């Protein structure tokens, strides 16, 4: 898009934070499931947006570009050794109870939506991310493909497999309302 003055960068980042901030925080939470980490990653995302703004080419929407940065920051965090170690310790404690409580804060309103959201968070990340981006964030398959740097057919396959796994979890839990899959 070109080079921006410092004032233009600050203004653009502030507008982006106001417009997409809460959605980015919720997205980060779906990956890391820790509010303190979300706050740190949120800052890192918008610091990167600020410093990389000149490299934004405008091939996609600004929102899509910011989501891509947020997802990459989340994945980097999850890949780090210290994160894996922390997650191992959490598994030994009452992680499942914390996960269920946090999931309710994340998902859409309504009891059945909370249950479905908690089940979505139990899926492997490769299915969870596409389901959340598609159903909760209303991105198209093409936009998700841009965000995750994946082939559209891969996104479609993961959506189908994620839906199937979610449906299996719903059946296991005795959930009989499968209106999401019509």
C-alpha atoms as a PDB file:
ATOM      1  CA  UNK A   1       0.000   0.000   0.000  1.00  0.00           C
ATOM      2  CA  UNK A   2       2.914   2.289   0.508  1.00  0.00           C
ATOM      3  CA  UNK A   3       4.748   4.025   3.261  1.00  0.00           C
ATOM      4  CA  UNK A   4       2.927   5.706   6.103  1.00  0.00           C
ATOM      5  CA  UNK A   5       3.971   8.554   8.323  1.00  0.00           C
ATOM      6  CA  UNK A   6       4.280   7.795  12.030  1.00  0.00           C
ATOM      7  CA  UNK A   7       1.030   9.666  12.687  1.00  0.00           C
ATOM      8  CA  UNK A   8      -0.804   7.688   9.986  1.00  0.00           C
ATOM      9  CA  UNK A   9       0.521   4.422  11.410  1.00  0.00           C
ATOM     10  CA  UNK A  10      -0.609   5.310  14.914  1.00  0.00           C
ATOM     11  CA  UNK A  11      -4.028   6.362  13.658  1.00  0.00           C
ATOM     12  CA  UNK A  12      -4.457   3.178  11.591  1.00  0.00           C
ATOM     13  CA  UNK A  13      -3.394   0.923  14.454  1.00  0.00           C
ATOM     14  CA  UNK A  14      -5.709   2.711  16.891  1.00  0.00           C
ATOM     15  CA  UNK A  15      -8.623   2.346  14.468  1.00  0.00           C
ATOM     16  CA  UNK A  16      -7.819  -1.329  13.922  1.00  0.00           C
ATOM     17  CA  UNK A  17      -7.632  -1.935  17.682  1.00  0.00           C
ATOM     18  CA  UNK A  18     -10.977  -0.226  18.195  1.00  0.00           C
ATOM     19  CA  UNK A  19     -12.627  -2.049  15.322  1.00  0.00           C
ATOM     20  CA  UNK A  20     -11.099  -5.537  15.647  1.00  0.00           C
ATOM     21  CA  UNK A  21      -9.606  -5.599  19.156  1.00  0.00           C
ATOM     22  CA  UNK A  22     -12.241  -7.647  20.972  1.00  0.00           C
ATOM     23  CA  UNK A  23     -12.549 -10.117  18.094  1.00  0.00           C
ATOM     24  CA  UNK A  24      -8.757 -10.549  18.032  1.00  0.00           C
ATOM     25  CA  UNK A  25      -8.705 -11.176  21.795  1.00  0.00           C
ATOM     26  CA  UNK A  26     -11.399 -13.844  21.431  1.00  0.00           C
ATOM     27  CA  UNK A  27      -9.486 -15.397  18.547  1.00  0.00           C
ATOM     28  CA  UNK A  28      -6.258 -15.472  20.560  1.00  0.00           C
ATOM     29  CA  UNK A  29      -8.125 -17.061  23.460  1.00  0.00           C
ATOM     30  CA  UNK A  30      -9.363 -19.898  21.254  1.00  0.00           C
ATOM     31  CA  UNK A  31      -5.727 -20.835  20.726  1.00  0.00           C
ATOM     32  CA  UNK A  32      -4.020 -20.204  24.063  1.00  0.00           C
ATOM     33  CA  UNK A  33      -6.929 -20.426  26.553  1.00  0.00           C
ATOM     34  CA  UNK A  34      -5.215 -18.174  29.081  1.00  0.00           C
ATOM     35  CA  UNK A  35      -6.407 -14.603  29.587  1.00  0.00           C
ATOM     36  CA  UNK A  36      -3.018 -13.339  30.810  1.00  0.00           C
ATOM     37  CA  UNK A  37      -1.295 -14.750  27.728  1.00  0.00           C
ATOM     38  CA  UNK A  38      -4.022 -13.283  25.507  1.00  0.00           C
ATOM     39  CA  UNK A  39      -3.239  -9.809  26.819  1.00  0.00           C
ATOM     40  CA  UNK A  40       0.473 -10.251  26.058  1.00  0.00           C
ATOM     41  CA  UNK A  41      -0.146 -11.685  22.598  1.00  0.00           C
ATOM     42  CA  UNK A  42      -2.682  -8.952  21.838  1.00  0.00           C
ATOM     43  CA  UNK A  43      -0.015  -6.325  22.471  1.00  0.00           C
ATOM     44  CA  UNK A  44       2.496  -8.239  20.363  1.00  0.00           C
ATOM     45  CA  UNK A  45       0.012  -8.500  17.493  1.00  0.00           C
ATOM     46  CA  UNK A  46      -0.622  -4.776  17.318  1.00  0.00           C
ATOM     47  CA  UNK A  47       3.033  -3.916  17.822  1.00  0.00           C
ATOM     48  CA  UNK A  48       3.779  -6.115  14.805  1.00  0.00           C
ATOM     49  CA  UNK A  49       0.918  -4.470  12.880  1.00  0.00           C
ATOM     50  CA  UNK A  50       2.474  -1.083  13.630  1.00  0.00           C
ATOM     51  CA  UNK A  51       5.986  -2.076  12.572  1.00  0.00           C
ATOM     52  CA  UNK A  52       4.894  -4.115   9.538  1.00  0.00           C
ATOM     53  CA  UNK A  53       2.237  -1.704   8.254  1.00  0.00           C
ATOM     54  CA  UNK A  54       4.509  -0.535   5.437  1.00  0.00           C
ATOM     55  CA  UNK A  55       4.790  -4.136   4.221  1.00  0.00           C
ATOM     56  CA  UNK A  56       0.987  -4.551   4.020  1.00  0.00           C
ATOM     57  CA  UNK A  57       0.417  -4.775   0.281  1.00  0.00           C
ATOM     58  CA  UNK A  58      -3.362  -4.606   0.292  1.00  0.00           C
ATOM     59  CA  UNK A  59      -3.717  -8.028  -1.349  1.00  0.00           C
ATOM     60  CA  UNK A  60      -6.306  -8.814   1.315  1.00  0.00           C
ATOM     61  CA  UNK A  61      -8.358  -6.760   3.723  1.00  0.00           C
ATOM     62  CA  UNK A  62      -6.579  -5.234   6.711  1.00  0.00           C
ATOM     63  CA  UNK A  63      -8.789  -7.372   8.980  1.00  0.00           C
ATOM     64  CA  UNK A  64      -7.627 -10.572   7.248  1.00  0.00           C
ATOM     65  CA  UNK A  65      -3.983  -9.499   7.534  1.00  0.00           C
ATOM     66  CA  UNK A  66      -4.355  -8.770  11.267  1.00  0.00           C
ATOM     67  CA  UNK A  67      -6.091 -12.114  11.851  1.00  0.00           C
ATOM     68  CA  UNK A  68      -3.199 -13.849  10.078  1.00  0.00           C
ATOM     69  CA  UNK A  69      -0.708 -12.090  12.373  1.00  0.00           C
ATOM     70  CA  UNK A  70      -2.766 -13.036  15.452  1.00  0.00           C
ATOM     71  CA  UNK A  71      -2.996 -16.687  14.410  1.00  0.00           C
ATOM     72  CA  UNK A  72       0.728 -16.852  13.667  1.00  0.00           C
ATOM     73  CA  UNK A  73       1.565 -15.268  17.045  1.00  0.00           C
ATOM     74  CA  UNK A  74      -0.719 -17.807  18.751  1.00  0.00           C
ATOM     75  CA  UNK A  75       0.871 -20.728  16.949  1.00  0.00           C
ATOM     76  CA  UNK A  76       4.371 -19.442  17.727  1.00  0.00           C
ATOM     77  CA  UNK A  77       3.420 -19.217  21.381  1.00  0.00           C
ATOM     78  CA  UNK A  78       1.946 -22.729  21.380  1.00  0.00           C
ATOM     79  CA  UNK A  79       5.092 -24.143  19.717  1.00  0.00           C
ATOM     80  CA  UNK A  80       7.452 -22.671  22.288  1.00  0.00           C
ATOM     81  CA  UNK A  81       9.089 -25.075  24.732  1.00  0.00           C
ATOM     82  CA  UNK A  82       7.981 -23.153  27.817  1.00  0.00           C
ATOM     83  CA  UNK A  83       4.389 -23.291  26.629  1.00  0.00           C
ATOM     84  CA  UNK A  84       4.520 -27.034  26.138  1.00  0.00           C
ATOM     85  CA  UNK A  85       5.978 -27.420  29.609  1.00  0.00           C
ATOM     86  CA  UNK A  86       3.253 -25.234  31.135  1.00  0.00           C
ATOM     87  CA  UNK A  87       0.590 -27.219  29.288  1.00  0.00           C
ATOM     88  CA  UNK A  88       1.977 -30.478  30.627  1.00  0.00           C
ATOM     89  CA  UNK A  89       1.762 -29.148  34.183  1.00  0.00           C
ATOM     90  CA  UNK A  90      -1.790 -27.932  33.556  1.00  0.00           C
ATOM     91  CA  UNK A  91      -2.802 -31.370  32.301  1.00  0.00           C
ATOM     92  CA  UNK A  92      -1.724 -32.847  35.612  1.00  0.00           C
ATOM     93  CA  UNK A  93      -3.984 -30.405  37.471  1.00  0.00           C
ATOM     94  CA  UNK A  94      -7.632 -29.651  36.910  1.00  0.00           C
ATOM     95  CA  UNK A  95      -7.212 -28.375  33.376  1.00  0.00           C
ATOM     96  CA  UNK A  96     -10.481 -29.849  32.136  1.00  0.00           C
ATOM     97  CA  UNK A  97     -12.527 -27.894  34.703  1.00  0.00           C
ATOM     98  CA  UNK A  98     -10.722 -24.644  33.825  1.00  0.00           C
ATOM     99  CA  UNK A  99     -11.218 -25.271  30.120  1.00  0.00           C
ATOM    100  CA  UNK A 100     -14.961 -25.728  30.516  1.00  0.00           C
ATOM    101  CA  UNK A 101     -15.280 -22.565  32.606  1.00  0.00           C
ATOM    102  CA  UNK A 102     -13.225 -20.491  30.169  1.00  0.00           C
ATOM    103  CA  UNK A 103     -15.063 -21.881  27.160  1.00  0.00           C
ATOM    104  CA  UNK A 104     -18.365 -20.575  28.482  1.00  0.00           C
ATOM    105  CA  UNK A 105     -16.954 -17.043  28.536  1.00  0.00           C
ATOM    106  CA  UNK A 106     -15.847 -17.364  24.932  1.00  0.00           C
ATOM    107  CA  UNK A 107     -18.807 -18.731  23.023  1.00  0.00           C
ATOM    108  CA  UNK A 108     -22.032 -17.195  21.898  1.00  0.00           C
ATOM    109  CA  UNK A 109     -24.919 -16.601  24.279  1.00  0.00           C
ATOM    110  CA  UNK A 110     -27.320 -19.352  25.216  1.00  0.00           C
ATOM    111  CA  UNK A 111     -26.767 -22.617  27.032  1.00  0.00           C
ATOM    112  CA  UNK A 112     -26.674 -24.836  23.942  1.00  0.00           C
ATOM    113  CA  UNK A 113     -24.223 -22.470  22.251  1.00  0.00           C
ATOM    114  CA  UNK A 114     -21.972 -22.634  25.328  1.00  0.00           C
ATOM    115  CA  UNK A 115     -22.029 -26.416  25.204  1.00  0.00           C
ATOM    116  CA  UNK A 116     -21.230 -26.440  21.489  1.00  0.00           C
ATOM    117  CA  UNK A 117     -18.468 -23.873  22.000  1.00  0.00           C
ATOM    118  CA  UNK A 118     -16.923 -25.986  24.747  1.00  0.00           C
ATOM    119  CA  UNK A 119     -16.992 -28.993  22.417  1.00  0.00           C
ATOM    120  CA  UNK A 120     -15.389 -26.972  19.614  1.00  0.00           C
ATOM    121  CA  UNK A 121     -12.536 -26.073  21.981  1.00  0.00           C
ATOM    122  CA  UNK A 122     -11.912 -29.798  22.557  1.00  0.00           C
ATOM    123  CA  UNK A 123     -11.206 -30.422  18.871  1.00  0.00           C
ATOM    124  CA  UNK A 124      -7.648 -30.526  17.525  1.00  0.00           C
ATOM    125  CA  UNK A 125      -6.463 -27.029  16.642  1.00  0.00           C
ATOM    126  CA  UNK A 126      -6.475 -27.650  12.875  1.00  0.00           C
ATOM    127  CA  UNK A 127     -10.240 -28.255  12.984  1.00  0.00           C
ATOM    128  CA  UNK A 128     -10.994 -25.798  15.771  1.00  0.00           C
ATOM    129  CA  UNK A 129      -9.427 -22.847  13.960  1.00  0.00           C
ATOM    130  CA  UNK A 130     -11.345 -23.326  10.710  1.00  0.00           C
ATOM    131  CA  UNK A 131     -14.664 -23.910  12.505  1.00  0.00           C
ATOM    132  CA  UNK A 132     -14.207 -20.796  14.620  1.00  0.00           C
ATOM    133  CA  UNK A 133     -13.145 -18.643  11.692  1.00  0.00           C
ATOM    134  CA  UNK A 134     -16.025 -19.936   9.543  1.00  0.00           C
ATOM    135  CA  UNK A 135     -18.917 -20.109  12.024  1.00  0.00           C
ATOM    136  CA  UNK A 136     -18.044 -17.624  14.750  1.00  0.00           C
ATOM    137  CA  UNK A 137     -16.049 -15.039  12.767  1.00  0.00           C
ATOM    138  CA  UNK A 138     -18.029 -15.381   9.509  1.00  0.00           C
ATOM    139  CA  UNK A 139     -15.012 -15.634   7.239  1.00  0.00           C
ATOM    140  CA  UNK A 140     -15.456 -17.296   3.852  1.00  0.00           C
ATOM    141  CA  UNK A 141     -13.441 -20.352   2.820  1.00  0.00           C
ATOM    142  CA  UNK A 142     -11.369 -18.087   0.570  1.00  0.00           C
ATOM    143  CA  UNK A 143     -10.650 -15.629   3.415  1.00  0.00           C
ATOM    144  CA  UNK A 144      -9.704 -18.486   5.758  1.00  0.00           C
ATOM    145  CA  UNK A 145      -7.421 -19.803   3.033  1.00  0.00           C
ATOM    146  CA  UNK A 146      -5.698 -16.390   2.914  1.00  0.00           C
ATOM    147  CA  UNK A 147      -5.464 -16.109   6.703  1.00  0.00           C
ATOM    148  CA  UNK A 148      -3.994 -19.573   7.224  1.00  0.00           C
ATOM    149  CA  UNK A 149      -1.960 -19.676   3.978  1.00  0.00           C
ATOM    150  CA  UNK A 150      -3.621 -22.947   2.959  1.00  0.00           C
ATOM    151  CA  UNK A 151      -5.287 -24.297  -0.125  1.00  0.00           C
ATOM    152  CA  UNK A 152      -9.071 -23.766  -0.262  1.00  0.00           C
ATOM    153  CA  UNK A 153      -9.620 -27.500  -0.619  1.00  0.00           C
ATOM    154  CA  UNK A 154      -7.641 -28.100   2.575  1.00  0.00           C
ATOM    155  CA  UNK A 155      -9.892 -25.607   4.362  1.00  0.00           C
ATOM    156  CA  UNK A 156     -13.002 -27.332   2.997  1.00  0.00           C
ATOM    157  CA  UNK A 157     -11.688 -30.731   4.075  1.00  0.00           C
ATOM    158  CA  UNK A 158     -10.894 -29.474   7.568  1.00  0.00           C
ATOM    159  CA  UNK A 159     -14.328 -27.861   7.831  1.00  0.00           C
ATOM    160  CA  UNK A 160     -15.986 -31.149   6.891  1.00  0.00           C
ATOM    161  CA  UNK A 161     -13.822 -33.238   9.209  1.00  0.00           C
ATOM    162  CA  UNK A 162     -14.202 -30.702  12.010  1.00  0.00           C
ATOM    163  CA  UNK A 163     -17.991 -30.751  11.628  1.00  0.00           C
ATOM    164  CA  UNK A 164     -17.938 -34.532  11.656  1.00  0.00           C
ATOM    165  CA  UNK A 165     -15.797 -34.684  14.804  1.00  0.00           C
ATOM    166  CA  UNK A 166     -17.950 -32.046  16.477  1.00  0.00           C
ATOM    167  CA  UNK A 167     -21.073 -33.993  15.608  1.00  0.00           C
ATOM    168  CA  UNK A 168     -19.499 -37.158  17.087  1.00  0.00           C
ATOM    169  CA  UNK A 169     -18.714 -35.262  20.298  1.00  0.00           C
ATOM    170  CA  UNK A 170     -22.279 -33.934  20.385  1.00  0.00           C
ATOM    171  CA  UNK A 171     -23.685 -37.463  20.030  1.00  0.00           C
ATOM    172  CA  UNK A 172     -21.344 -38.711  22.797  1.00  0.00           C
ATOM    173  CA  UNK A 173     -22.653 -35.984  25.102  1.00  0.00           C
ATOM    174  CA  UNK A 174     -26.260 -36.787  24.219  1.00  0.00           C
ATOM    175  CA  UNK A 175     -26.761 -33.556  22.341  1.00  0.00           C
ATOM    176  CA  UNK A 176     -29.516 -34.184  19.814  1.00  0.00           C
ATOM    177  CA  UNK A 177     -29.841 -30.772  18.166  1.00  0.00           C
ATOM    178  CA  UNK A 178     -27.725 -30.917  15.031  1.00  0.00           C
ATOM    179  CA  UNK A 179     -29.055 -27.745  13.432  1.00  0.00           C
ATOM    180  CA  UNK A 180     -25.510 -26.523  12.748  1.00  0.00           C
ATOM    181  CA  UNK A 181     -25.043 -29.237  10.169  1.00  0.00           C
ATOM    182  CA  UNK A 182     -28.137 -28.702   7.988  1.00  0.00           C
END
